[in-house]
């Protein structure tokens, strides 16, 4: 069986290749195509869907779960902490890369034909890569899929819909969303295996 480090290396290389191909051959055309749909009913729908990619509710909700259940239900408490930690880690990681990369958002291409990277920018217009909403959505979906496997397809579908909303609304390029989604998945899986798996196993064992 392929060892885990090799799997992660292959996955990372694949994502990097997809981002590169998208950056060089698909990002601009896709952004322009969806930008032309900004006065449609679907645009209004996706403006609502994209709100579910905001991290604040998940951070607050996860922390509240931990505080409320930490002395009453260890599994639920750690589920809340897992959600909080995953969203926080994916978000902070994405924010750091946004600053280091300084990628121009699609709106700069629409208005000034600016496309590419200019490192060390905090301005919103220069924080396109990776997509923070996509990182949040996929980290939440991975948490739910891990804890409640029977709902994994619904969780993944919802997360992909949120991630796609960033492309449809022309807030991000396709490569931004690919990278952000990968950040969300990786952050959550790493946290689970490095810390939370043992906690969940212990909490379930103590309930028996």
N, C-alpha and C. Protein backbone atom coordinates (compact mmCIF):
# COMPACT_ATOMS: atom_id res chain seq x y z
N UNK A 1 0.85 -1.20 0.00
CA UNK A 1 0.00 0.00 0.00
C UNK A 1 0.88 1.26 0.00
N UNK A 2 0.49 2.23 -0.77
CA UNK A 2 1.25 3.46 -0.86
C UNK A 2 1.28 4.17 0.49
N UNK A 3 2.48 4.61 0.94
CA UNK A 3 2.54 5.27 2.24
C UNK A 3 1.94 6.68 2.15
N UNK A 4 1.59 7.19 3.33
CA UNK A 4 0.83 8.45 3.39
C UNK A 4 1.60 9.64 2.84
N UNK A 5 2.91 9.70 3.12
CA UNK A 5 3.70 10.83 2.63
C UNK A 5 3.76 10.87 1.11
N UNK A 6 3.82 9.68 0.51
CA UNK A 6 3.82 9.63 -0.96
C UNK A 6 2.47 10.04 -1.51
N UNK A 7 1.40 9.61 -0.85
CA UNK A 7 0.06 10.02 -1.28
C UNK A 7 -0.09 11.54 -1.24
N UNK A 8 0.38 12.16 -0.14
CA UNK A 8 0.28 13.62 -0.02
C UNK A 8 1.14 14.30 -1.07
N UNK A 9 2.30 13.75 -1.36
CA UNK A 9 3.18 14.34 -2.36
C UNK A 9 2.53 14.32 -3.74
N UNK A 10 1.92 13.18 -4.08
CA UNK A 10 1.25 13.06 -5.37
C UNK A 10 0.04 14.00 -5.44
N UNK A 11 -0.72 14.05 -4.34
CA UNK A 11 -1.90 14.93 -4.31
C UNK A 11 -1.49 16.39 -4.46
N UNK A 12 -0.44 16.79 -3.73
CA UNK A 12 0.03 18.18 -3.80
C UNK A 12 0.53 18.52 -5.20
N UNK A 13 1.27 17.61 -5.79
CA UNK A 13 1.80 17.85 -7.13
C UNK A 13 0.66 17.95 -8.15
N UNK A 14 -0.36 17.11 -7.97
CA UNK A 14 -1.50 17.13 -8.89
C UNK A 14 -2.26 18.45 -8.78
N UNK A 15 -2.49 18.92 -7.56
CA UNK A 15 -3.17 20.19 -7.35
C UNK A 15 -2.35 21.34 -7.92
N UNK A 16 -1.05 21.32 -7.69
CA UNK A 16 -0.18 22.36 -8.22
C UNK A 16 -0.22 22.38 -9.75
N UNK A 17 -0.24 21.20 -10.35
CA UNK A 17 -0.31 21.12 -11.82
C UNK A 17 -1.65 21.65 -12.32
N UNK A 18 -2.73 21.28 -11.66
CA UNK A 18 -4.05 21.78 -12.06
C UNK A 18 -4.12 23.30 -11.95
N UNK A 19 -3.55 23.84 -10.88
CA UNK A 19 -3.55 25.30 -10.71
C UNK A 19 -2.74 25.97 -11.81
N UNK A 20 -1.61 25.39 -12.15
CA UNK A 20 -0.76 25.96 -13.20
C UNK A 20 -1.46 25.94 -14.56
N UNK A 21 -2.06 24.80 -14.88
CA UNK A 21 -2.78 24.67 -16.16
C UNK A 21 -3.93 25.66 -16.22
N UNK A 22 -4.65 25.77 -15.11
CA UNK A 22 -5.77 26.72 -15.08
C UNK A 22 -5.28 28.16 -15.20
N UNK A 23 -4.20 28.48 -14.50
CA UNK A 23 -3.64 29.84 -14.54
C UNK A 23 -3.23 30.22 -15.96
N UNK A 24 -2.63 29.29 -16.68
CA UNK A 24 -2.09 29.61 -17.99
C UNK A 24 -3.09 29.49 -19.14
N UNK A 25 -4.18 28.74 -18.91
CA UNK A 25 -5.04 28.48 -20.07
C UNK A 25 -6.54 28.61 -19.84
N UNK A 26 -6.98 28.78 -18.60
CA UNK A 26 -8.43 28.75 -18.39
C UNK A 26 -8.97 29.87 -17.50
N UNK A 27 -8.15 30.40 -16.61
CA UNK A 27 -8.67 31.33 -15.60
C UNK A 27 -9.34 32.56 -16.19
N UNK A 28 -8.66 33.22 -17.10
CA UNK A 28 -9.21 34.47 -17.64
C UNK A 28 -10.49 34.22 -18.43
N UNK A 29 -10.47 33.22 -19.30
CA UNK A 29 -11.64 32.93 -20.12
C UNK A 29 -12.84 32.56 -19.27
N UNK A 30 -12.60 31.76 -18.24
CA UNK A 30 -13.69 31.35 -17.35
C UNK A 30 -14.26 32.55 -16.59
N UNK A 31 -13.36 33.39 -16.08
CA UNK A 31 -13.81 34.57 -15.33
C UNK A 31 -14.64 35.51 -16.21
N UNK A 32 -14.20 35.71 -17.43
CA UNK A 32 -14.93 36.58 -18.35
C UNK A 32 -16.31 36.01 -18.67
N UNK A 33 -16.37 34.70 -18.84
CA UNK A 33 -17.63 34.06 -19.19
C UNK A 33 -18.64 34.23 -18.05
N UNK A 34 -18.20 33.98 -16.83
CA UNK A 34 -19.13 34.11 -15.70
C UNK A 34 -19.43 35.58 -15.36
N UNK A 35 -18.48 36.45 -15.63
CA UNK A 35 -18.71 37.87 -15.38
C UNK A 35 -19.87 38.40 -16.22
N UNK A 36 -20.07 37.80 -17.37
CA UNK A 36 -21.16 38.22 -18.26
C UNK A 36 -22.53 37.80 -17.72
N UNK A 37 -22.55 37.00 -16.67
CA UNK A 37 -23.82 36.51 -16.11
C UNK A 37 -24.21 37.25 -14.85
N UNK A 38 -23.60 38.40 -14.59
CA UNK A 38 -23.80 39.05 -13.30
C UNK A 38 -25.15 39.75 -13.15
N UNK A 39 -25.99 39.72 -14.15
CA UNK A 39 -27.33 40.31 -14.02
C UNK A 39 -28.42 39.25 -14.13
N UNK A 40 -28.07 38.01 -13.88
CA UNK A 40 -29.03 36.91 -14.02
C UNK A 40 -29.57 36.48 -12.66
N UNK A 41 -30.63 35.68 -12.68
CA UNK A 41 -31.22 35.15 -11.44
C UNK A 41 -30.24 34.22 -10.74
N UNK A 42 -29.46 33.49 -11.51
CA UNK A 42 -28.47 32.58 -10.91
C UNK A 42 -27.42 33.36 -10.12
N UNK A 43 -27.08 34.53 -10.61
CA UNK A 43 -26.10 35.35 -9.90
C UNK A 43 -26.64 35.71 -8.51
N UNK A 44 -27.90 36.07 -8.45
CA UNK A 44 -28.53 36.39 -7.16
C UNK A 44 -28.53 35.17 -6.25
N UNK A 45 -28.82 33.99 -6.81
CA UNK A 45 -28.82 32.76 -6.02
C UNK A 45 -27.43 32.46 -5.46
N UNK A 46 -26.42 32.58 -6.29
CA UNK A 46 -25.07 32.25 -5.83
C UNK A 46 -24.53 33.30 -4.85
N UNK A 47 -25.06 34.51 -4.91
CA UNK A 47 -24.67 35.51 -3.90
C UNK A 47 -25.14 35.09 -2.51
N UNK A 48 -26.25 34.35 -2.46
CA UNK A 48 -26.74 33.83 -1.18
C UNK A 48 -25.95 32.58 -0.77
N UNK A 49 -25.69 31.72 -1.73
CA UNK A 49 -24.95 30.48 -1.44
C UNK A 49 -23.56 30.79 -0.92
N UNK A 50 -22.91 31.80 -1.48
CA UNK A 50 -21.53 32.10 -1.11
C UNK A 50 -21.40 32.56 0.33
N UNK A 51 -22.49 33.04 0.92
CA UNK A 51 -22.45 33.48 2.32
C UNK A 51 -22.11 32.34 3.27
N UNK A 52 -22.42 31.12 2.86
CA UNK A 52 -22.12 29.95 3.70
C UNK A 52 -20.63 29.61 3.72
N UNK A 53 -19.85 30.33 2.93
CA UNK A 53 -18.41 30.13 2.95
C UNK A 53 -17.69 31.06 3.91
N UNK A 54 -18.45 31.94 4.59
CA UNK A 54 -17.84 32.82 5.58
C UNK A 54 -17.49 32.01 6.83
N UNK A 55 -16.32 32.22 7.36
CA UNK A 55 -15.83 31.37 8.44
C UNK A 55 -16.39 31.72 9.81
N UNK A 56 -16.92 32.92 9.99
CA UNK A 56 -17.28 33.40 11.33
C UNK A 56 -18.27 32.48 12.04
N UNK A 57 -19.34 32.09 11.36
CA UNK A 57 -20.35 31.25 11.98
C UNK A 57 -19.80 29.90 12.43
N UNK A 58 -18.93 29.31 11.63
CA UNK A 58 -18.35 28.02 11.98
C UNK A 58 -17.39 28.14 13.16
N UNK A 59 -16.62 29.22 13.18
CA UNK A 59 -15.70 29.43 14.30
C UNK A 59 -16.45 29.62 15.61
N UNK A 60 -17.46 30.47 15.58
CA UNK A 60 -18.25 30.73 16.78
C UNK A 60 -19.02 29.48 17.20
N UNK A 61 -19.65 28.83 16.22
CA UNK A 61 -20.43 27.63 16.51
C UNK A 61 -19.57 26.51 17.08
N UNK A 62 -18.40 26.30 16.50
CA UNK A 62 -17.51 25.26 16.99
C UNK A 62 -17.04 25.53 18.40
N UNK A 63 -16.70 26.78 18.66
CA UNK A 63 -16.24 27.15 20.00
C UNK A 63 -17.36 27.01 21.03
N UNK A 64 -18.57 27.38 20.66
CA UNK A 64 -19.71 27.25 21.56
C UNK A 64 -19.99 25.78 21.88
N UNK A 65 -19.90 24.91 20.87
CA UNK A 65 -20.09 23.49 21.11
C UNK A 65 -19.09 22.96 22.13
N UNK A 66 -17.85 23.38 21.98
CA UNK A 66 -16.82 22.93 22.90
C UNK A 66 -17.09 23.41 24.32
N UNK A 67 -17.45 24.68 24.47
CA UNK A 67 -17.68 25.25 25.79
C UNK A 67 -18.89 24.62 26.47
N UNK A 68 -19.98 24.44 25.70
CA UNK A 68 -21.22 23.92 26.28
C UNK A 68 -21.11 22.45 26.68
N UNK A 69 -20.40 21.66 25.85
CA UNK A 69 -20.40 20.21 26.07
C UNK A 69 -19.10 19.65 26.66
N UNK A 70 -18.15 20.50 27.00
CA UNK A 70 -16.84 19.98 27.41
C UNK A 70 -16.91 19.12 28.67
N UNK A 71 -17.88 19.35 29.54
CA UNK A 71 -18.00 18.55 30.76
C UNK A 71 -19.17 17.57 30.71
N UNK A 72 -19.93 17.59 29.60
CA UNK A 72 -21.13 16.75 29.53
C UNK A 72 -21.06 15.71 28.43
N UNK A 73 -20.47 16.05 27.31
CA UNK A 73 -20.43 15.13 26.18
C UNK A 73 -19.11 15.35 25.44
N UNK A 74 -18.08 14.58 25.80
CA UNK A 74 -16.75 14.79 25.20
C UNK A 74 -16.73 14.71 23.68
N UNK A 75 -17.54 13.81 23.11
CA UNK A 75 -17.54 13.68 21.65
C UNK A 75 -18.01 14.97 20.99
N UNK A 76 -19.14 15.50 21.47
CA UNK A 76 -19.65 16.75 20.90
C UNK A 76 -18.69 17.90 21.16
N UNK A 77 -18.08 17.92 22.33
CA UNK A 77 -17.13 18.98 22.65
C UNK A 77 -15.95 18.95 21.68
N UNK A 78 -15.40 17.76 21.47
CA UNK A 78 -14.26 17.66 20.55
C UNK A 78 -14.69 17.88 19.10
N UNK A 79 -15.94 17.56 18.78
CA UNK A 79 -16.44 17.86 17.44
C UNK A 79 -16.44 19.37 17.21
N UNK A 80 -16.89 20.12 18.22
CA UNK A 80 -16.86 21.57 18.12
C UNK A 80 -15.46 22.11 18.01
N UNK A 81 -14.55 21.57 18.81
CA UNK A 81 -13.17 22.02 18.76
C UNK A 81 -12.51 21.65 17.44
N UNK A 82 -12.87 20.48 16.92
CA UNK A 82 -12.36 20.04 15.62
C UNK A 82 -12.81 20.99 14.52
N UNK A 83 -14.09 21.37 14.55
CA UNK A 83 -14.62 22.31 13.57
C UNK A 83 -13.92 23.65 13.68
N UNK A 84 -13.82 24.17 14.89
CA UNK A 84 -13.16 25.46 15.10
C UNK A 84 -11.71 25.43 14.61
N UNK A 85 -10.98 24.40 15.01
CA UNK A 85 -9.55 24.31 14.67
C UNK A 85 -9.33 24.16 13.18
N UNK A 86 -10.17 23.35 12.53
CA UNK A 86 -10.01 23.12 11.09
C UNK A 86 -10.27 24.39 10.29
N UNK A 87 -11.35 25.08 10.62
CA UNK A 87 -11.67 26.32 9.91
C UNK A 87 -10.61 27.38 10.19
N UNK A 88 -10.17 27.45 11.44
CA UNK A 88 -9.15 28.44 11.79
C UNK A 88 -7.83 28.16 11.08
N UNK A 89 -7.39 26.90 11.09
CA UNK A 89 -6.11 26.57 10.45
C UNK A 89 -6.16 26.78 8.94
N UNK A 90 -7.22 26.33 8.31
CA UNK A 90 -7.32 26.52 6.86
C UNK A 90 -7.40 27.99 6.50
N UNK A 91 -8.13 28.75 7.32
CA UNK A 91 -8.27 30.18 7.06
C UNK A 91 -6.97 30.95 7.24
N UNK A 92 -6.27 30.67 8.33
CA UNK A 92 -5.00 31.34 8.59
C UNK A 92 -3.95 30.98 7.54
N UNK A 93 -3.94 29.70 7.15
CA UNK A 93 -3.00 29.26 6.11
C UNK A 93 -3.29 29.95 4.79
N UNK A 94 -4.58 30.01 4.44
CA UNK A 94 -4.97 30.67 3.20
C UNK A 94 -4.62 32.16 3.23
N UNK A 95 -4.86 32.80 4.38
CA UNK A 95 -4.55 34.23 4.50
C UNK A 95 -3.05 34.50 4.35
N UNK A 96 -2.24 33.62 4.91
CA UNK A 96 -0.79 33.79 4.80
C UNK A 96 -0.34 33.70 3.34
N UNK A 97 -0.87 32.70 2.63
CA UNK A 97 -0.50 32.53 1.22
C UNK A 97 -1.05 33.68 0.38
N UNK A 98 -2.26 34.16 0.72
CA UNK A 98 -2.80 35.32 0.02
C UNK A 98 -1.82 36.49 0.07
N UNK A 99 -1.30 36.73 1.28
CA UNK A 99 -0.37 37.85 1.46
C UNK A 99 0.93 37.62 0.70
N UNK A 100 1.47 36.42 0.80
CA UNK A 100 2.74 36.12 0.13
C UNK A 100 2.59 36.14 -1.39
N UNK A 101 1.46 35.63 -1.89
CA UNK A 101 1.28 35.54 -3.34
C UNK A 101 0.86 36.87 -3.95
N UNK A 102 -0.08 37.56 -3.31
CA UNK A 102 -0.54 38.84 -3.84
C UNK A 102 -1.13 38.73 -5.24
N UNK A 103 -2.05 37.80 -5.40
CA UNK A 103 -2.62 37.62 -6.74
C UNK A 103 -3.78 38.58 -6.98
N UNK A 104 -3.78 39.19 -8.16
CA UNK A 104 -4.86 40.11 -8.53
C UNK A 104 -6.17 39.35 -8.70
N UNK A 105 -7.23 39.90 -8.13
CA UNK A 105 -8.56 39.30 -8.29
C UNK A 105 -9.09 39.58 -9.70
N UNK A 106 -10.09 38.80 -10.12
CA UNK A 106 -10.66 39.01 -11.46
C UNK A 106 -11.11 40.44 -11.71
N UNK A 107 -11.61 41.12 -10.68
CA UNK A 107 -12.11 42.49 -10.91
C UNK A 107 -11.01 43.42 -11.42
N UNK A 108 -9.77 43.14 -11.06
CA UNK A 108 -8.67 43.96 -11.57
C UNK A 108 -8.40 43.67 -13.05
N UNK A 109 -8.68 42.43 -13.45
CA UNK A 109 -8.55 42.14 -14.88
C UNK A 109 -9.67 42.81 -15.66
N UNK A 110 -10.88 42.78 -15.10
CA UNK A 110 -12.02 43.39 -15.79
C UNK A 110 -11.83 44.89 -15.97
N UNK A 111 -11.24 45.54 -14.97
CA UNK A 111 -11.15 47.00 -15.00
C UNK A 111 -9.83 47.52 -15.59
N UNK A 112 -8.72 46.78 -15.33
CA UNK A 112 -7.41 47.29 -15.74
C UNK A 112 -6.54 46.28 -16.48
N UNK A 113 -7.11 45.12 -16.77
CA UNK A 113 -6.37 44.04 -17.43
C UNK A 113 -5.14 43.61 -16.64
N UNK A 114 -5.22 43.72 -15.31
CA UNK A 114 -4.13 43.26 -14.46
C UNK A 114 -4.34 41.79 -14.14
N UNK A 115 -3.31 40.99 -14.37
CA UNK A 115 -3.40 39.55 -14.17
C UNK A 115 -2.06 39.03 -13.70
N UNK A 116 -2.07 38.31 -12.60
CA UNK A 116 -0.82 37.75 -12.11
C UNK A 116 -0.61 38.02 -10.64
N UNK A 117 0.66 38.07 -10.24
CA UNK A 117 1.02 38.13 -8.83
C UNK A 117 1.92 39.34 -8.55
N UNK A 118 1.73 39.92 -7.38
CA UNK A 118 2.60 40.98 -6.86
C UNK A 118 2.67 40.76 -5.36
N UNK A 119 3.71 40.12 -4.92
CA UNK A 119 3.80 39.60 -3.55
C UNK A 119 3.63 40.67 -2.48
N UNK A 120 3.18 40.19 -1.30
CA UNK A 120 3.09 40.99 -0.07
C UNK A 120 2.06 42.12 -0.17
N UNK A 121 0.82 41.70 -0.46
CA UNK A 121 -0.30 42.64 -0.50
C UNK A 121 -1.41 42.15 0.42
N UNK A 122 -1.95 43.08 1.24
CA UNK A 122 -3.12 42.76 2.06
C UNK A 122 -4.40 43.30 1.44
N UNK A 123 -4.28 44.18 0.46
CA UNK A 123 -5.47 44.79 -0.13
C UNK A 123 -6.38 43.71 -0.74
N UNK A 124 -7.69 43.88 -0.56
CA UNK A 124 -8.64 42.88 -1.01
C UNK A 124 -8.47 42.54 -2.49
N UNK A 125 -8.20 43.53 -3.29
CA UNK A 125 -8.08 43.32 -4.73
C UNK A 125 -6.88 42.45 -5.10
N UNK A 126 -5.94 42.29 -4.16
CA UNK A 126 -4.72 41.51 -4.42
C UNK A 126 -4.63 40.27 -3.53
N UNK A 127 -5.77 39.74 -3.12
CA UNK A 127 -5.76 38.54 -2.27
C UNK A 127 -6.63 37.45 -2.88
N UNK A 128 -6.40 37.15 -4.13
CA UNK A 128 -7.25 36.19 -4.83
C UNK A 128 -6.85 34.75 -4.58
N UNK A 129 -5.57 34.50 -4.38
CA UNK A 129 -5.05 33.12 -4.30
C UNK A 129 -4.52 32.81 -2.90
N UNK A 130 -5.08 31.76 -2.26
CA UNK A 130 -6.18 30.89 -2.67
C UNK A 130 -7.52 31.44 -2.18
N UNK A 131 -8.59 30.79 -2.55
CA UNK A 131 -9.93 31.23 -2.12
C UNK A 131 -10.18 30.83 -0.67
N UNK A 132 -10.41 31.83 0.18
CA UNK A 132 -10.68 31.57 1.59
C UNK A 132 -12.04 30.91 1.81
N UNK A 133 -13.06 31.33 1.04
CA UNK A 133 -14.37 30.71 1.15
C UNK A 133 -14.31 29.22 0.80
N UNK A 134 -13.54 28.89 -0.21
CA UNK A 134 -13.40 27.49 -0.61
C UNK A 134 -12.69 26.69 0.47
N UNK A 135 -11.66 27.28 1.07
CA UNK A 135 -10.95 26.60 2.15
C UNK A 135 -11.88 26.32 3.32
N UNK A 136 -12.68 27.32 3.68
CA UNK A 136 -13.64 27.15 4.78
C UNK A 136 -14.66 26.07 4.45
N UNK A 137 -15.26 26.15 3.26
CA UNK A 137 -16.30 25.20 2.87
C UNK A 137 -15.80 23.77 2.88
N UNK A 138 -14.61 23.55 2.33
CA UNK A 138 -14.09 22.19 2.26
C UNK A 138 -13.58 21.69 3.60
N UNK A 139 -13.11 22.58 4.46
CA UNK A 139 -12.71 22.14 5.79
C UNK A 139 -13.94 21.72 6.59
N UNK A 140 -15.03 22.49 6.50
CA UNK A 140 -16.27 22.12 7.19
C UNK A 140 -16.80 20.79 6.65
N UNK A 141 -16.81 20.64 5.33
CA UNK A 141 -17.31 19.39 4.72
C UNK A 141 -16.47 18.20 5.15
N UNK A 142 -15.15 18.38 5.24
CA UNK A 142 -14.28 17.28 5.64
C UNK A 142 -14.50 16.91 7.11
N UNK A 143 -14.74 17.91 7.95
CA UNK A 143 -15.08 17.64 9.35
C UNK A 143 -16.36 16.80 9.42
N UNK A 144 -17.40 17.23 8.71
CA UNK A 144 -18.68 16.53 8.73
C UNK A 144 -18.55 15.12 8.16
N UNK A 145 -17.81 14.99 7.06
CA UNK A 145 -17.63 13.67 6.44
C UNK A 145 -16.86 12.73 7.35
N UNK A 146 -15.94 13.27 8.13
CA UNK A 146 -15.15 12.45 9.05
C UNK A 146 -15.97 11.98 10.23
N UNK A 147 -16.76 12.88 10.79
CA UNK A 147 -17.54 12.55 11.98
C UNK A 147 -18.86 11.85 11.67
N UNK A 148 -19.43 12.18 10.52
CA UNK A 148 -20.73 11.61 10.14
C UNK A 148 -20.65 11.10 8.70
N UNK A 149 -20.02 9.96 8.49
CA UNK A 149 -19.75 9.46 7.13
C UNK A 149 -21.00 9.31 6.26
N UNK A 150 -22.15 9.03 6.87
CA UNK A 150 -23.36 8.84 6.07
C UNK A 150 -23.80 10.13 5.38
N UNK A 151 -23.32 11.27 5.88
CA UNK A 151 -23.68 12.56 5.29
C UNK A 151 -22.56 13.14 4.43
N UNK A 152 -21.56 12.33 4.13
CA UNK A 152 -20.37 12.86 3.45
C UNK A 152 -20.67 13.41 2.06
N UNK A 153 -21.57 12.75 1.32
CA UNK A 153 -21.86 13.21 -0.04
C UNK A 153 -22.63 14.54 -0.02
N UNK A 154 -23.57 14.65 0.91
CA UNK A 154 -24.31 15.91 1.03
C UNK A 154 -23.39 17.04 1.46
N UNK A 155 -22.48 16.74 2.40
CA UNK A 155 -21.54 17.76 2.88
C UNK A 155 -20.60 18.19 1.75
N UNK A 156 -20.11 17.23 1.00
CA UNK A 156 -19.20 17.56 -0.10
C UNK A 156 -19.91 18.34 -1.20
N UNK A 157 -21.13 17.95 -1.51
CA UNK A 157 -21.89 18.67 -2.54
C UNK A 157 -22.11 20.12 -2.14
N UNK A 158 -22.50 20.33 -0.87
CA UNK A 158 -22.71 21.69 -0.40
C UNK A 158 -21.44 22.52 -0.46
N UNK A 159 -20.32 21.90 -0.06
CA UNK A 159 -19.05 22.61 -0.08
C UNK A 159 -18.62 22.97 -1.49
N UNK A 160 -18.79 22.05 -2.42
CA UNK A 160 -18.41 22.31 -3.81
C UNK A 160 -19.29 23.40 -4.42
N UNK A 161 -20.55 23.44 -3.99
CA UNK A 161 -21.46 24.49 -4.47
C UNK A 161 -20.98 25.86 -3.98
N UNK A 162 -20.56 25.92 -2.72
CA UNK A 162 -20.03 27.17 -2.17
C UNK A 162 -18.75 27.58 -2.91
N UNK A 163 -17.87 26.60 -3.11
CA UNK A 163 -16.62 26.89 -3.82
C UNK A 163 -16.90 27.37 -5.24
N UNK A 164 -17.84 26.71 -5.91
CA UNK A 164 -18.19 27.12 -7.28
C UNK A 164 -18.78 28.52 -7.31
N UNK A 165 -19.48 28.91 -6.23
CA UNK A 165 -20.07 30.24 -6.20
C UNK A 165 -19.01 31.33 -6.34
N UNK A 166 -17.80 31.06 -5.87
CA UNK A 166 -16.73 32.06 -5.98
C UNK A 166 -16.32 32.27 -7.43
N UNK A 167 -16.41 31.22 -8.22
CA UNK A 167 -16.12 31.31 -9.64
C UNK A 167 -17.28 31.98 -10.37
N UNK A 168 -18.49 31.54 -10.05
CA UNK A 168 -19.68 32.09 -10.72
C UNK A 168 -19.79 33.59 -10.49
N UNK A 169 -19.48 34.03 -9.27
CA UNK A 169 -19.58 35.46 -8.94
C UNK A 169 -18.36 36.25 -9.40
N UNK A 170 -17.41 35.54 -10.03
CA UNK A 170 -16.18 36.17 -10.54
C UNK A 170 -15.40 36.86 -9.42
N UNK A 171 -15.45 36.28 -8.23
CA UNK A 171 -14.65 36.77 -7.11
C UNK A 171 -13.28 36.11 -7.09
N UNK A 172 -13.19 34.94 -7.71
CA UNK A 172 -11.94 34.19 -7.76
C UNK A 172 -11.81 33.49 -9.10
N UNK A 173 -10.58 33.15 -9.44
CA UNK A 173 -10.31 32.33 -10.60
C UNK A 173 -10.45 30.85 -10.23
N UNK A 174 -10.55 30.00 -11.24
CA UNK A 174 -10.67 28.56 -11.01
C UNK A 174 -9.49 28.04 -10.19
N UNK A 175 -8.29 28.48 -10.51
CA UNK A 175 -7.10 27.98 -9.80
C UNK A 175 -7.13 28.40 -8.33
N UNK A 176 -7.70 29.56 -8.02
CA UNK A 176 -7.83 30.00 -6.62
C UNK A 176 -8.71 29.03 -5.84
N UNK A 177 -9.79 28.61 -6.48
CA UNK A 177 -10.75 27.72 -5.82
C UNK A 177 -10.17 26.32 -5.65
N UNK A 178 -9.45 25.85 -6.65
CA UNK A 178 -8.79 24.54 -6.52
C UNK A 178 -7.83 24.55 -5.34
N UNK A 179 -7.00 25.57 -5.27
CA UNK A 179 -6.02 25.65 -4.18
C UNK A 179 -6.69 25.81 -2.83
N UNK A 180 -7.69 26.69 -2.74
CA UNK A 180 -8.38 26.90 -1.48
C UNK A 180 -9.07 25.64 -0.99
N UNK A 181 -9.70 24.91 -1.89
CA UNK A 181 -10.36 23.65 -1.52
C UNK A 181 -9.35 22.66 -0.97
N UNK A 182 -8.19 22.59 -1.60
CA UNK A 182 -7.14 21.67 -1.13
C UNK A 182 -6.64 22.07 0.25
N UNK A 183 -6.50 23.36 0.48
CA UNK A 183 -6.10 23.85 1.81
C UNK A 183 -7.10 23.38 2.87
N UNK A 184 -8.39 23.49 2.57
CA UNK A 184 -9.41 23.10 3.53
C UNK A 184 -9.35 21.61 3.86
N UNK A 185 -9.18 20.79 2.85
CA UNK A 185 -9.13 19.34 3.05
C UNK A 185 -7.87 18.95 3.82
N UNK A 186 -6.73 19.47 3.39
CA UNK A 186 -5.45 19.09 4.01
C UNK A 186 -5.41 19.51 5.47
N UNK A 187 -5.83 20.73 5.77
CA UNK A 187 -5.81 21.22 7.15
C UNK A 187 -6.62 20.30 8.06
N UNK A 188 -7.79 19.91 7.60
CA UNK A 188 -8.68 19.10 8.42
C UNK A 188 -8.14 17.68 8.60
N UNK A 189 -7.66 17.09 7.53
CA UNK A 189 -7.13 15.72 7.62
C UNK A 189 -5.91 15.67 8.53
N UNK A 190 -5.04 16.65 8.41
CA UNK A 190 -3.84 16.68 9.26
C UNK A 190 -4.22 16.83 10.74
N UNK A 191 -5.13 17.74 11.03
CA UNK A 191 -5.57 17.93 12.41
C UNK A 191 -6.19 16.66 12.98
N UNK A 192 -6.97 16.00 12.16
CA UNK A 192 -7.65 14.77 12.62
C UNK A 192 -6.63 13.70 13.00
N UNK A 193 -5.69 13.44 12.11
CA UNK A 193 -4.73 12.35 12.35
C UNK A 193 -3.68 12.71 13.40
N UNK A 194 -3.34 13.98 13.51
CA UNK A 194 -2.32 14.38 14.47
C UNK A 194 -2.86 14.56 15.88
N UNK A 195 -4.14 14.85 16.02
CA UNK A 195 -4.66 15.14 17.35
C UNK A 195 -6.05 14.57 17.63
N UNK A 196 -7.01 14.82 16.78
CA UNK A 196 -8.41 14.57 17.12
C UNK A 196 -8.83 13.11 17.03
N UNK A 197 -8.19 12.32 16.19
CA UNK A 197 -8.59 10.91 16.06
C UNK A 197 -8.53 10.21 17.41
N UNK A 198 -7.44 10.42 18.13
CA UNK A 198 -7.29 9.80 19.46
C UNK A 198 -8.36 10.30 20.41
N UNK A 199 -8.65 11.58 20.37
CA UNK A 199 -9.67 12.16 21.25
C UNK A 199 -11.04 11.56 20.98
N UNK A 200 -11.39 11.42 19.71
CA UNK A 200 -12.69 10.85 19.37
C UNK A 200 -12.76 9.37 19.75
N UNK A 201 -11.69 8.65 19.49
CA UNK A 201 -11.66 7.23 19.87
C UNK A 201 -11.83 7.06 21.37
N UNK A 202 -11.16 7.89 22.13
CA UNK A 202 -11.24 7.83 23.61
C UNK A 202 -12.65 8.18 24.09
N UNK A 203 -13.24 9.23 23.50
CA UNK A 203 -14.57 9.65 23.94
C UNK A 203 -15.62 8.60 23.64
N UNK A 204 -15.51 7.94 22.48
CA UNK A 204 -16.46 6.88 22.14
C UNK A 204 -16.25 5.66 23.03
N UNK A 205 -14.99 5.34 23.32
CA UNK A 205 -14.67 4.19 24.19
C UNK A 205 -15.23 4.41 25.59
N UNK A 206 -15.15 5.63 26.08
CA UNK A 206 -15.63 5.91 27.43
C UNK A 206 -17.15 5.89 27.53
N UNK A 207 -17.83 6.04 26.37
CA UNK A 207 -19.29 6.00 26.38
C UNK A 207 -19.80 4.56 26.48
N UNK A 208 -18.97 3.61 26.07
CA UNK A 208 -19.40 2.21 26.04
C UNK A 208 -19.39 1.61 27.44
